[in-house]
Amino acid sequence: MTSFIESANSRETSKEIMEAINWMATGNEAEAVRIWEDPTEAEALAIWERVTKNGLLQADEFCWGAAGSSWAAALGLGK
């Protein structure tokens, strides 16, 4: 596990979201931090798709930093 994923608790972010971000960044920790801080629309959508299994799970079951369980809405993805 990368140190980025291991930082999930200190970032108040669900491990599943951290893993999806790390996947999006192809393991590049600097890129993962950039995505965590300010994802593009395409990155946010890809993370949402991966974490929710294309909508099979509710996005509010997961937390992303200050947005908490409202992360998907905060990123403009709806609920």
PDB file of N, CA and C in Angstrom:
ATOM      1  N   MET A   1       0.854  -1.180   0.000  1.00  0.00           N
ATOM      2  CA  MET A   1       0.000   0.000   0.000  1.00  0.00           C
ATOM      3  C   MET A   1       0.893   1.234   0.000  1.00  0.00           C
ATOM      4  N   THR A   2       0.494   2.233  -0.758  1.00  0.00           N
ATOM      5  CA  THR A   2       1.299   3.445  -0.844  1.00  0.00           C
ATOM      6  C   THR A   2       1.037   4.356   0.348  1.00  0.00           C
ATOM      7  N   SER A   3       1.976   5.257   0.604  1.00  0.00           N
ATOM      8  CA  SER A   3       1.789   6.203   1.707  1.00  0.00           C
ATOM      9  C   SER A   3       0.596   7.110   1.436  1.00  0.00           C
ATOM     10  N   PHE A   4       0.281   7.356   0.153  1.00  0.00           N
ATOM     11  CA  PHE A   4      -0.900   8.156  -0.162  1.00  0.00           C
ATOM     12  C   PHE A   4      -2.155   7.468   0.376  1.00  0.00           C
ATOM     13  N   ILE A   5      -2.326   6.202   0.088  1.00  0.00           N
ATOM     14  CA  ILE A   5      -3.499   5.468   0.572  1.00  0.00           C
ATOM     15  C   ILE A   5      -3.483   5.389   2.091  1.00  0.00           C
ATOM     16  N   GLU A   6      -2.313   5.197   2.659  1.00  0.00           N
ATOM     17  CA  GLU A   6      -2.197   5.117   4.118  1.00  0.00           C
ATOM     18  C   GLU A   6      -2.564   6.431   4.802  1.00  0.00           C
ATOM     19  N   SER A   7      -2.589   7.530   4.050  1.00  0.00           N
ATOM     20  CA  SER A   7      -2.937   8.832   4.628  1.00  0.00           C
ATOM     21  C   SER A   7      -4.447   9.073   4.662  1.00  0.00           C
ATOM     22  N   ALA A   8      -5.235   8.069   4.366  1.00  0.00           N
ATOM     23  CA  ALA A   8      -6.697   8.217   4.304  1.00  0.00           C
ATOM     24  C   ALA A   8      -7.278   8.808   5.588  1.00  0.00           C
ATOM     25  N   ASN A   9      -6.882   8.296   6.744  1.00  0.00           N
ATOM     26  CA  ASN A   9      -7.439   8.800   8.000  1.00  0.00           C
ATOM     27  C   ASN A   9      -7.098  10.269   8.218  1.00  0.00           C
ATOM     28  N   SER A  10      -5.854  10.643   7.997  1.00  0.00           N
ATOM     29  CA  SER A  10      -5.475  12.037   8.219  1.00  0.00           C
ATOM     30  C   SER A  10      -6.128  12.964   7.195  1.00  0.00           C
ATOM     31  N   ARG A  11      -6.507  12.451   6.052  1.00  0.00           N
ATOM     32  CA  ARG A  11      -7.188  13.245   5.031  1.00  0.00           C
ATOM     33  C   ARG A  11      -8.706  13.160   5.175  1.00  0.00           C
ATOM     34  N   GLU A  12      -9.175  12.401   6.159  1.00  0.00           N
ATOM     35  CA  GLU A  12     -10.611  12.201   6.389  1.00  0.00           C
ATOM     36  C   GLU A  12     -11.312  11.757   5.116  1.00  0.00           C
ATOM     37  N   THR A  13     -10.692  10.782   4.457  1.00  0.00           N
ATOM     38  CA  THR A  13     -11.188  10.280   3.186  1.00  0.00           C
ATOM     39  C   THR A  13     -11.263   8.758   3.236  1.00  0.00           C
ATOM     40  N   SER A  14     -12.347   8.213   2.709  1.00  0.00           N
ATOM     41  CA  SER A  14     -12.526   6.764   2.681  1.00  0.00           C
ATOM     42  C   SER A  14     -11.398   6.103   1.902  1.00  0.00           C
ATOM     43  N   LYS A  15     -10.999   4.951   2.396  1.00  0.00           N
ATOM     44  CA  LYS A  15      -9.923   4.203   1.750  1.00  0.00           C
ATOM     45  C   LYS A  15     -10.282   3.886   0.295  1.00  0.00           C
ATOM     46  N   GLU A  16     -11.544   3.614   0.021  1.00  0.00           N
ATOM     47  CA  GLU A  16     -11.970   3.298  -1.341  1.00  0.00           C
ATOM     48  C   GLU A  16     -11.725   4.477  -2.286  1.00  0.00           C
ATOM     49  N   ILE A  17     -11.979   5.680  -1.804  1.00  0.00           N
ATOM     50  CA  ILE A  17     -11.716   6.863  -2.631  1.00  0.00           C
ATOM     51  C   ILE A  17     -10.219   7.050  -2.817  1.00  0.00           C
ATOM     52  N   MET A  18      -9.464   6.847  -1.760  1.00  0.00           N
ATOM     53  CA  MET A  18      -8.006   6.968  -1.861  1.00  0.00           C
ATOM     54  C   MET A  18      -7.453   5.960  -2.867  1.00  0.00           C
ATOM     55  N   GLU A  19      -7.974   4.738  -2.843  1.00  0.00           N
ATOM     56  CA  GLU A  19      -7.523   3.716  -3.788  1.00  0.00           C
ATOM     57  C   GLU A  19      -7.896   4.092  -5.221  1.00  0.00           C
ATOM     58  N   ALA A  20      -9.088   4.655  -5.403  1.00  0.00           N
ATOM     59  CA  ALA A  20      -9.511   5.072  -6.739  1.00  0.00           C
ATOM     60  C   ALA A  20      -8.650   6.222  -7.249  1.00  0.00           C
ATOM     61  N   ILE A  21      -8.333   7.153  -6.367  1.00  0.00           N
ATOM     62  CA  ILE A  21      -7.463   8.267  -6.763  1.00  0.00           C
ATOM     63  C   ILE A  21      -6.077   7.745  -7.127  1.00  0.00           C
ATOM     64  N   ASN A  22      -5.553   6.840  -6.319  1.00  0.00           N
ATOM     65  CA  ASN A  22      -4.237   6.254  -6.589  1.00  0.00           C
ATOM     66  C   ASN A  22      -4.252   5.514  -7.927  1.00  0.00           C
ATOM     67  N   TRP A  23      -5.334   4.813  -8.210  1.00  0.00           N
ATOM     68  CA  TRP A  23      -5.496   4.122  -9.495  1.00  0.00           C
ATOM     69  C   TRP A  23      -5.495   5.142 -10.632  1.00  0.00           C
ATOM     70  N   MET A  24      -6.250   6.234 -10.451  1.00  0.00           N
ATOM     71  CA  MET A  24      -6.322   7.282 -11.475  1.00  0.00           C
ATOM     72  C   MET A  24      -4.934   7.882 -11.721  1.00  0.00           C
ATOM     73  N   ALA A  25      -4.147   8.016 -10.659  1.00  0.00           N
ATOM     74  CA  ALA A  25      -2.807   8.603 -10.759  1.00  0.00           C
ATOM     75  C   ALA A  25      -1.756   7.575 -11.161  1.00  0.00           C
ATOM     76  N   THR A  26      -2.185   6.380 -11.456  1.00  0.00           N
ATOM     77  CA  THR A  26      -1.301   5.257 -11.810  1.00  0.00           C
ATOM     78  C   THR A  26      -0.144   5.102 -10.827  1.00  0.00           C
ATOM     79  N   GLY A  27      -0.465   5.286  -9.548  1.00  0.00           N
ATOM     80  CA  GLY A  27       0.527   5.072  -8.499  1.00  0.00           C
ATOM     81  C   GLY A  27       1.476   6.224  -8.249  1.00  0.00           C
ATOM     82  N   ASN A  28       1.373   7.307  -9.006  1.00  0.00           N
ATOM     83  CA  ASN A  28       2.234   8.467  -8.826  1.00  0.00           C
ATOM     84  C   ASN A  28       1.693   9.296  -7.667  1.00  0.00           C
ATOM     85  N   GLU A  29       2.413   9.304  -6.551  1.00  0.00           N
ATOM     86  CA  GLU A  29       1.900   9.952  -5.337  1.00  0.00           C
ATOM     87  C   GLU A  29       1.704  11.454  -5.492  1.00  0.00           C
ATOM     88  N   ALA A  30       2.586  12.139  -6.182  1.00  0.00           N
ATOM     89  CA  ALA A  30       2.416  13.581  -6.383  1.00  0.00           C
ATOM     90  C   ALA A  30       1.152  13.856  -7.199  1.00  0.00           C
ATOM     91  N   GLU A  31       0.923  13.049  -8.216  1.00  0.00           N
ATOM     92  CA  GLU A  31      -0.281  13.190  -9.039  1.00  0.00           C
ATOM     93  C   GLU A  31      -1.525  12.836  -8.222  1.00  0.00           C
ATOM     94  N   ALA A  32      -1.431  11.832  -7.374  1.00  0.00           N
ATOM     95  CA  ALA A  32      -2.560  11.452  -6.517  1.00  0.00           C
ATOM     96  C   ALA A  32      -2.944  12.600  -5.590  1.00  0.00           C
ATOM     97  N   VAL A  33      -1.967  13.260  -5.014  1.00  0.00           N
ATOM     98  CA  VAL A  33      -2.241  14.403  -4.139  1.00  0.00           C
ATOM     99  C   VAL A  33      -2.912  15.515  -4.941  1.00  0.00           C
ATOM    100  N   ARG A  34      -2.430  15.774  -6.152  1.00  0.00           N
ATOM    101  CA  ARG A  34      -3.034  16.797  -6.998  1.00  0.00           C
ATOM    102  C   ARG A  34      -4.500  16.468  -7.280  1.00  0.00           C
ATOM    103  N   ILE A  35      -4.766  15.198  -7.616  1.00  0.00           N
ATOM    104  CA  ILE A  35      -6.135  14.780  -7.894  1.00  0.00           C
ATOM    105  C   ILE A  35      -6.994  14.894  -6.637  1.00  0.00           C
ATOM    106  N   TRP A  36      -6.462  14.479  -5.492  1.00  0.00           N
ATOM    107  CA  TRP A  36      -7.221  14.575  -4.234  1.00  0.00           C
ATOM    108  C   TRP A  36      -7.590  16.021  -3.952  1.00  0.00           C
ATOM    109  N   GLU A  37      -6.658  16.931  -4.203  1.00  0.00           N
ATOM    110  CA  GLU A  37      -6.884  18.349  -3.912  1.00  0.00           C
ATOM    111  C   GLU A  37      -7.787  19.032  -4.922  1.00  0.00           C
ATOM    112  N   ASP A  38      -7.677  18.675  -6.207  1.00  0.00           N
ATOM    113  CA  ASP A  38      -8.417  19.401  -7.239  1.00  0.00           C
ATOM    114  C   ASP A  38      -8.590  18.540  -8.493  1.00  0.00           C
ATOM    115  N   PRO A  39      -9.493  17.560  -8.444  1.00  0.00           N
ATOM    116  CA  PRO A  39      -9.670  16.687  -9.610  1.00  0.00           C
ATOM    117  C   PRO A  39     -10.347  17.418 -10.765  1.00  0.00           C
ATOM    118  N   THR A  40      -9.996  17.015 -11.966  1.00  0.00           N
ATOM    119  CA  THR A  40     -10.715  17.521 -13.136  1.00  0.00           C
ATOM    120  C   THR A  40     -12.094  16.869 -13.148  1.00  0.00           C
ATOM    121  N   GLU A  41     -12.988  17.358 -13.984  1.00  0.00           N
ATOM    122  CA  GLU A  41     -14.319  16.754 -14.089  1.00  0.00           C
ATOM    123  C   GLU A  41     -14.217  15.290 -14.508  1.00  0.00           C
ATOM    124  N   ALA A  42     -13.356  15.006 -15.470  1.00  0.00           N
ATOM    125  CA  ALA A  42     -13.190  13.631 -15.956  1.00  0.00           C
ATOM    126  C   ALA A  42     -12.630  12.727 -14.859  1.00  0.00           C
ATOM    127  N   GLU A  43     -11.669  13.244 -14.098  1.00  0.00           N
ATOM    128  CA  GLU A  43     -11.096  12.452 -12.998  1.00  0.00           C
ATOM    129  C   GLU A  43     -12.143  12.190 -11.925  1.00  0.00           C
ATOM    130  N   ALA A  44     -12.908  13.226 -11.570  1.00  0.00           N
ATOM    131  CA  ALA A  44     -13.940  13.071 -10.543  1.00  0.00           C
ATOM    132  C   ALA A  44     -14.960  12.023 -10.971  1.00  0.00           C
ATOM    133  N   LEU A  45     -15.379  12.069 -12.225  1.00  0.00           N
ATOM    134  CA  LEU A  45     -16.346  11.098 -12.724  1.00  0.00           C
ATOM    135  C   LEU A  45     -15.775   9.686 -12.698  1.00  0.00           C
ATOM    136  N   ALA A  46     -14.537   9.519 -13.130  1.00  0.00           N
ATOM    137  CA  ALA A  46     -13.909   8.198 -13.122  1.00  0.00           C
ATOM    138  C   ALA A  46     -13.781   7.659 -11.700  1.00  0.00           C
ATOM    139  N   ILE A  47     -13.467   8.515 -10.756  1.00  0.00           N
ATOM    140  CA  ILE A  47     -13.366   8.101  -9.351  1.00  0.00           C
ATOM    141  C   ILE A  47     -14.736   7.699  -8.835  1.00  0.00           C
ATOM    142  N   TRP A  48     -15.750   8.520  -9.126  1.00  0.00           N
ATOM    143  CA  TRP A  48     -17.122   8.192  -8.717  1.00  0.00           C
ATOM    144  C   TRP A  48     -17.535   6.838  -9.289  1.00  0.00           C
ATOM    145  N   GLU A  49     -17.282   6.613 -10.575  1.00  0.00           N
ATOM    146  CA  GLU A  49     -17.651   5.347 -11.224  1.00  0.00           C
ATOM    147  C   GLU A  49     -16.975   4.166 -10.545  1.00  0.00           C
ATOM    148  N   ARG A  50     -15.705   4.314 -10.217  1.00  0.00           N
ATOM    149  CA  ARG A  50     -14.950   3.221  -9.600  1.00  0.00           C
ATOM    150  C   ARG A  50     -15.429   2.954  -8.178  1.00  0.00           C
ATOM    151  N   VAL A  51     -15.613   4.020  -7.401  1.00  0.00           N
ATOM    152  CA  VAL A  51     -15.987   3.871  -5.990  1.00  0.00           C
ATOM    153  C   VAL A  51     -17.416   3.340  -5.841  1.00  0.00           C
ATOM    154  N   THR A  52     -18.323   3.835  -6.670  1.00  0.00           N
ATOM    155  CA  THR A  52     -19.731   3.439  -6.536  1.00  0.00           C
ATOM    156  C   THR A  52     -20.088   2.235  -7.403  1.00  0.00           C
ATOM    157  N   LYS A  53     -19.108   1.708  -8.088  1.00  0.00           N
ATOM    158  CA  LYS A  53     -19.332   0.598  -9.016  1.00  0.00           C
ATOM    159  C   LYS A  53     -20.407   0.986 -10.042  1.00  0.00           C
ATOM    160  N   ASN A  54     -20.176   2.144 -10.661  1.00  0.00           N
ATOM    161  CA  ASN A  54     -21.076   2.711 -11.673  1.00  0.00           C
ATOM    162  C   ASN A  54     -22.480   2.953 -11.135  1.00  0.00           C
ATOM    163  N   GLY A  55     -22.563   3.406  -9.897  1.00  0.00           N
ATOM    164  CA  GLY A  55     -23.848   3.762  -9.311  1.00  0.00           C
ATOM    165  C   GLY A  55     -24.538   2.663  -8.541  1.00  0.00           C
ATOM    166  N   LEU A  56     -23.939   1.489  -8.443  1.00  0.00           N
ATOM    167  CA  LEU A  56     -24.552   0.410  -7.669  1.00  0.00           C
ATOM    168  C   LEU A  56     -24.504   0.693  -6.167  1.00  0.00           C
ATOM    169  N   LEU A  57     -23.519   1.468  -5.731  1.00  0.00           N
ATOM    170  CA  LEU A  57     -23.406   1.891  -4.334  1.00  0.00           C
ATOM    171  C   LEU A  57     -23.692   3.381  -4.267  1.00  0.00           C
ATOM    172  N   GLN A  58     -24.217   3.845  -3.158  1.00  0.00           N
ATOM    173  CA  GLN A  58     -24.481   5.264  -2.974  1.00  0.00           C
ATOM    174  C   GLN A  58     -23.170   5.991  -2.673  1.00  0.00           C
ATOM    175  N   ALA A  59     -22.959   7.118  -3.319  1.00  0.00           N
ATOM    176  CA  ALA A  59     -21.742   7.898  -3.116  1.00  0.00           C
ATOM    177  C   ALA A  59     -21.616   8.364  -1.670  1.00  0.00           C
ATOM    178  N   ASP A  60     -22.757   8.609  -1.011  1.00  0.00           N
ATOM    179  CA  ASP A  60     -22.694   9.122   0.359  1.00  0.00           C
ATOM    180  C   ASP A  60     -22.291   8.070   1.388  1.00  0.00           C
ATOM    181  N   GLU A  61     -21.992   6.868   0.931  1.00  0.00           N
ATOM    182  CA  GLU A  61     -21.432   5.842   1.817  1.00  0.00           C
ATOM    183  C   GLU A  61     -19.929   6.067   2.023  1.00  0.00           C
ATOM    184  N   PHE A  62     -19.361   7.001   1.275  1.00  0.00           N
ATOM    185  CA  PHE A  62     -17.932   7.275   1.301  1.00  0.00           C
ATOM    186  C   PHE A  62     -17.702   8.747   1.625  1.00  0.00           C
ATOM    187  N   CYS A  63     -16.530   9.058   2.155  1.00  0.00           N
ATOM    188  CA  CYS A  63     -16.188  10.440   2.529  1.00  0.00           C
ATOM    189  C   CYS A  63     -14.936  10.894   1.790  1.00  0.00           C
ATOM    190  N   TRP A  64     -14.910  12.196   1.450  1.00  0.00           N
ATOM    191  CA  TRP A  64     -13.748  12.791   0.790  1.00  0.00           C
ATOM    192  C   TRP A  64     -13.468  14.126   1.456  1.00  0.00           C
ATOM    193  N   GLY A  65     -12.518  14.130   2.352  1.00  0.00           N
ATOM    194  CA  GLY A  65     -12.049  15.349   2.999  1.00  0.00           C
ATOM    195  C   GLY A  65     -13.158  16.209   3.575  1.00  0.00           C
ATOM    196  N   ALA A  66     -13.015  17.521   3.399  1.00  0.00           N
ATOM    197  CA  ALA A  66     -13.960  18.483   3.984  1.00  0.00           C
ATOM    198  C   ALA A  66     -15.374  18.315   3.437  1.00  0.00           C
ATOM    199  N   ALA A  67     -15.532  17.786   2.238  1.00  0.00           N
ATOM    200  CA  ALA A  67     -16.863  17.588   1.669  1.00  0.00           C
ATOM    201  C   ALA A  67     -17.604  16.437   2.345  1.00  0.00           C
ATOM    202  N   GLY A  68     -16.854  15.601   3.053  1.00  0.00           N
ATOM    203  CA  GLY A  68     -17.470  14.475   3.753  1.00  0.00           C
ATOM    204  C   GLY A  68     -18.240  13.563   2.818  1.00  0.00           C
ATOM    205  N   SER A  69     -19.423  13.142   3.248  1.00  0.00           N
ATOM    206  CA  SER A  69     -20.214  12.222   2.437  1.00  0.00           C
ATOM    207  C   SER A  69     -20.939  12.928   1.296  1.00  0.00           C
ATOM    208  N   SER A  70     -20.824  14.246   1.223  1.00  0.00           N
ATOM    209  CA  SER A  70     -21.424  15.014   0.125  1.00  0.00           C
ATOM    210  C   SER A  70     -20.415  15.282  -0.992  1.00  0.00           C
ATOM    211  N   TRP A  71     -19.351  14.509  -1.030  1.00  0.00           N
ATOM    212  CA  TRP A  71     -18.267  14.733  -1.976  1.00  0.00           C
ATOM    213  C   TRP A  71     -18.731  14.704  -3.431  1.00  0.00           C
ATOM    214  N   ALA A  72     -19.620  13.778  -3.767  1.00  0.00           N
ATOM    215  CA  ALA A  72     -20.046  13.678  -5.163  1.00  0.00           C
ATOM    216  C   ALA A  72     -20.798  14.940  -5.590  1.00  0.00           C
ATOM    217  N   ALA A  73     -21.676  15.421  -4.720  1.00  0.00           N
ATOM    218  CA  ALA A  73     -22.409  16.657  -5.031  1.00  0.00           C
ATOM    219  C   ALA A  73     -21.453  17.831  -5.111  1.00  0.00           C
ATOM    220  N   ALA A  74     -20.471  17.871  -4.203  1.00  0.00           N
ATOM    221  CA  ALA A  74     -19.495  18.963  -4.202  1.00  0.00           C
ATOM    222  C   ALA A  74     -18.678  18.981  -5.493  1.00  0.00           C
ATOM    223  N   LEU A  75     -18.507  17.812  -6.098  1.00  0.00           N
ATOM    224  CA  LEU A  75     -17.765  17.720  -7.357  1.00  0.00           C
ATOM    225  C   LEU A  75     -18.684  17.815  -8.574  1.00  0.00           C
ATOM    226  N   GLY A  76     -19.975  18.087  -8.336  1.00  0.00           N
ATOM    227  CA  GLY A  76     -20.915  18.259  -9.428  1.00  0.00           C
ATOM    228  C   GLY A  76     -21.400  16.973 -10.036  1.00  0.00           C
ATOM    229  N   LEU A  77     -21.339  15.887  -9.256  1.00  0.00           N
ATOM    230  CA  LEU A  77     -21.744  14.586  -9.769  1.00  0.00           C
ATOM    231  C   LEU A  77     -23.120  14.151  -9.297  1.00  0.00           C
ATOM    232  N   GLY A  78     -23.856  15.010  -8.625  1.00  0.00           N
ATOM    233  CA  GLY A  78     -25.132  14.604  -8.063  1.00  0.00           C
ATOM    234  C   GLY A  78     -24.895  13.830  -6.791  1.00  0.00           C
ATOM    235  N   LYS A  79     -25.861  13.033  -6.385  1.00  0.00           N
ATOM    236  CA  LYS A  79     -25.731  12.298  -5.118  1.00  0.00           C
ATOM    237  C   LYS A  79     -24.815  11.113  -5.254  1.00  0.00           C
TER     238      LYS A  79
END
